[in-house]
Structure formats: structure tokens, C-alpha cells
């Protein structure tokens, strides 16, 4: 049951992140005073790097638990 709850929580978190993406793009655009296209590119690249790092940390955590 815990595994199912964890998976559901992860899916909800990913959905919430997708909903926040436009707000983040606008914030980056306004903060850096750049075009929306450049801002979206920065956000997409940054989000990908963050997701890779999160995956790496999760794998490392599993290895340390064993």
C-alpha cells in the first residue's frame, strides 16, 4: 500500500510542476528581461538538469540503503 501511495504522490507532484511551468517561465522572462522563447529554453534545460540530478540522488540513496 505504501508503494502505491508513494507512486500517487510522485504523479501528483509532477502534475503540479507542469501547472507551475508557465508561471516560472514568465518569472524568468521578467527577472532576466529576455524574450519568452529564451526564458522557456532556460526553464526546459534547467528542469531537465534538475530531474536528472533528482534521479541520481534517488539511485545513490537506494545504493546506500543496501
N, C-alpha and C. Protein backbone atom coordinates (compact mmCIF):
# COMPACT_ATOMS: atom_id res chain seq x y z
N UNK A 1 0.83 -1.20 0.00
CA UNK A 1 0.00 0.00 0.00
C UNK A 1 0.87 1.26 0.00
N UNK A 2 1.95 1.24 0.76
CA UNK A 2 2.83 2.40 0.83
C UNK A 2 3.42 2.72 -0.54
N UNK A 3 3.78 1.67 -1.29
CA UNK A 3 4.36 1.87 -2.61
C UNK A 3 3.36 2.56 -3.54
N UNK A 4 2.11 2.18 -3.45
CA UNK A 4 1.06 2.79 -4.29
C UNK A 4 0.88 4.25 -3.90
N UNK A 5 0.88 4.54 -2.62
CA UNK A 5 0.74 5.92 -2.16
C UNK A 5 1.92 6.77 -2.61
N UNK A 6 3.10 6.20 -2.55
CA UNK A 6 4.29 6.93 -2.99
C UNK A 6 4.21 7.24 -4.47
N UNK A 7 3.79 6.26 -5.27
CA UNK A 7 3.66 6.50 -6.71
C UNK A 7 2.62 7.57 -7.01
N UNK A 8 1.51 7.54 -6.29
CA UNK A 8 0.46 8.53 -6.48
C UNK A 8 0.98 9.92 -6.12
N UNK A 9 1.71 10.00 -5.01
CA UNK A 9 2.28 11.29 -4.60
C UNK A 9 3.24 11.83 -5.66
N UNK A 10 4.06 10.97 -6.22
CA UNK A 10 5.01 11.40 -7.26
C UNK A 10 4.26 11.90 -8.49
N UNK A 11 3.20 11.19 -8.89
CA UNK A 11 2.41 11.62 -10.05
C UNK A 11 1.76 12.98 -9.80
N UNK A 12 1.24 13.19 -8.61
CA UNK A 12 0.62 14.48 -8.27
C UNK A 12 1.68 15.58 -8.28
N UNK A 13 2.86 15.29 -7.75
CA UNK A 13 3.93 16.28 -7.73
C UNK A 13 4.34 16.67 -9.14
N UNK A 14 4.46 15.70 -10.04
CA UNK A 14 4.82 16.00 -11.43
C UNK A 14 3.74 16.84 -12.10
N UNK A 15 2.48 16.52 -11.86
CA UNK A 15 1.38 17.28 -12.45
C UNK A 15 1.40 18.72 -11.93
N UNK A 16 1.64 18.88 -10.64
CA UNK A 16 1.71 20.22 -10.06
C UNK A 16 2.85 21.01 -10.68
N UNK A 17 3.98 20.36 -10.91
CA UNK A 17 5.11 21.04 -11.54
C UNK A 17 4.78 21.49 -12.95
N UNK A 18 4.03 20.68 -13.69
CA UNK A 18 3.65 21.06 -15.05
C UNK A 18 2.73 22.27 -15.04
N UNK A 19 1.86 22.36 -14.04
CA UNK A 19 0.96 23.50 -13.95
C UNK A 19 1.71 24.78 -13.59
N UNK A 20 2.81 24.65 -12.85
CA UNK A 20 3.57 25.82 -12.44
C UNK A 20 4.53 26.31 -13.52
N UNK A 21 4.78 25.50 -14.54
CA UNK A 21 5.77 25.83 -15.56
C UNK A 21 5.53 27.19 -16.23
N UNK A 22 4.31 27.52 -16.66
CA UNK A 22 4.12 28.83 -17.29
C UNK A 22 4.47 29.99 -16.36
N UNK A 23 4.14 29.87 -15.09
CA UNK A 23 4.46 30.93 -14.13
C UNK A 23 5.96 31.09 -13.97
N UNK A 24 6.66 29.97 -13.97
CA UNK A 24 8.13 30.02 -13.84
C UNK A 24 8.73 30.67 -15.08
N UNK A 25 8.23 30.32 -16.24
CA UNK A 25 8.74 30.91 -17.49
C UNK A 25 8.54 32.42 -17.49
N UNK A 26 7.37 32.87 -17.07
CA UNK A 26 7.10 34.31 -17.02
C UNK A 26 8.01 34.99 -16.00
N UNK A 27 8.21 34.36 -14.85
CA UNK A 27 9.07 34.94 -13.82
C UNK A 27 10.51 35.07 -14.32
N UNK A 28 11.00 34.04 -14.99
CA UNK A 28 12.36 34.10 -15.54
C UNK A 28 12.44 35.19 -16.61
N UNK A 29 11.42 35.26 -17.46
CA UNK A 29 11.41 36.26 -18.53
C UNK A 29 11.46 37.67 -17.95
N UNK A 30 10.63 37.91 -16.94
CA UNK A 30 10.59 39.24 -16.35
C UNK A 30 11.85 39.54 -15.54
N UNK A 31 12.33 38.54 -14.81
CA UNK A 31 13.51 38.74 -13.98
C UNK A 31 14.77 39.01 -14.79
N UNK A 32 14.91 38.33 -15.91
CA UNK A 32 16.10 38.49 -16.74
C UNK A 32 15.89 39.47 -17.89
N UNK A 33 14.65 39.95 -18.04
CA UNK A 33 14.29 40.88 -19.12
C UNK A 33 14.70 40.30 -20.48
N UNK A 34 14.21 39.08 -20.77
CA UNK A 34 14.51 38.40 -22.03
C UNK A 34 13.21 37.97 -22.67
N UNK A 35 13.30 37.43 -23.88
CA UNK A 35 12.10 37.00 -24.60
C UNK A 35 11.52 35.73 -23.96
N UNK A 36 10.26 35.49 -24.26
CA UNK A 36 9.59 34.30 -23.73
C UNK A 36 10.24 33.03 -24.26
N UNK A 37 10.66 33.03 -25.52
CA UNK A 37 11.30 31.85 -26.11
C UNK A 37 12.61 31.52 -25.37
N UNK A 38 13.43 32.53 -25.11
CA UNK A 38 14.68 32.30 -24.37
C UNK A 38 14.38 31.83 -22.95
N UNK A 39 13.38 32.42 -22.34
CA UNK A 39 13.00 32.05 -20.98
C UNK A 39 12.53 30.60 -20.92
N UNK A 40 11.72 30.19 -21.89
CA UNK A 40 11.23 28.81 -21.94
C UNK A 40 12.38 27.84 -22.14
N UNK A 41 13.34 28.21 -22.98
CA UNK A 41 14.50 27.36 -23.21
C UNK A 41 15.31 27.19 -21.93
N UNK A 42 15.54 28.27 -21.22
CA UNK A 42 16.27 28.20 -19.95
C UNK A 42 15.54 27.30 -18.97
N UNK A 43 14.22 27.45 -18.87
CA UNK A 43 13.43 26.65 -17.93
C UNK A 43 13.44 25.17 -18.31
N UNK A 44 13.31 24.86 -19.59
CA UNK A 44 13.30 23.47 -20.02
C UNK A 44 14.65 22.80 -19.77
N UNK A 45 15.72 23.49 -20.07
CA UNK A 45 17.05 22.93 -19.83
C UNK A 45 17.29 22.78 -18.33
N UNK A 46 16.93 23.80 -17.57
CA UNK A 46 17.10 23.74 -16.11
C UNK A 46 16.28 22.63 -15.48
N UNK A 47 15.02 22.48 -15.93
CA UNK A 47 14.15 21.44 -15.39
C UNK A 47 14.72 20.05 -15.68
N UNK A 48 15.24 19.87 -16.88
CA UNK A 48 15.83 18.59 -17.26
C UNK A 48 17.03 18.26 -16.38
N UNK A 49 17.89 19.24 -16.16
CA UNK A 49 19.07 19.02 -15.31
C UNK A 49 18.63 18.68 -13.88
N UNK A 50 17.66 19.39 -13.37
CA UNK A 50 17.17 19.12 -12.01
C UNK A 50 16.60 17.71 -11.92
N UNK A 51 15.83 17.28 -12.91
CA UNK A 51 15.24 15.95 -12.88
C UNK A 51 16.32 14.87 -12.94
N UNK A 52 17.37 15.09 -13.74
CA UNK A 52 18.47 14.13 -13.80
C UNK A 52 19.17 14.04 -12.45
N UNK A 53 19.40 15.18 -11.83
CA UNK A 53 20.05 15.18 -10.51
C UNK A 53 19.19 14.50 -9.45
N UNK A 54 17.89 14.72 -9.50
CA UNK A 54 16.99 14.06 -8.55
C UNK A 54 17.05 12.55 -8.74
N UNK A 55 17.04 12.09 -9.99
CA UNK A 55 17.15 10.66 -10.27
C UNK A 55 18.46 10.10 -9.76
N UNK A 56 19.55 10.83 -9.97
CA UNK A 56 20.85 10.40 -9.49
C UNK A 56 20.86 10.26 -7.97
N UNK A 57 20.29 11.23 -7.28
CA UNK A 57 20.24 11.18 -5.82
C UNK A 57 19.39 10.00 -5.36
N UNK A 58 18.29 9.72 -6.03
CA UNK A 58 17.44 8.59 -5.65
C UNK A 58 18.17 7.26 -5.84
N UNK A 59 18.90 7.12 -6.94
CA UNK A 59 19.67 5.90 -7.16
C UNK A 59 20.75 5.76 -6.12
N UNK A 60 21.45 6.86 -5.84
CA UNK A 60 22.50 6.83 -4.82
C UNK A 60 21.93 6.47 -3.46
N UNK A 61 20.76 7.00 -3.14
CA UNK A 61 20.11 6.68 -1.87
C UNK A 61 19.79 5.20 -1.79
N UNK A 62 19.29 4.62 -2.86
CA UNK A 62 18.99 3.18 -2.87
C UNK A 62 20.24 2.35 -2.70
N UNK A 63 21.35 2.78 -3.30
CA UNK A 63 22.59 2.06 -3.16
C UNK A 63 23.11 2.13 -1.73
N UNK A 64 22.93 3.27 -1.08
CA UNK A 64 23.39 3.43 0.30
C UNK A 64 22.55 2.62 1.27
N UNK A 65 21.26 2.45 0.94
CA UNK A 65 20.37 1.66 1.81
C UNK A 65 20.75 0.20 1.80
N UNK A 66 21.20 -0.31 0.64
CA UNK A 66 21.60 -1.71 0.54
C UNK A 66 22.85 -1.89 1.29
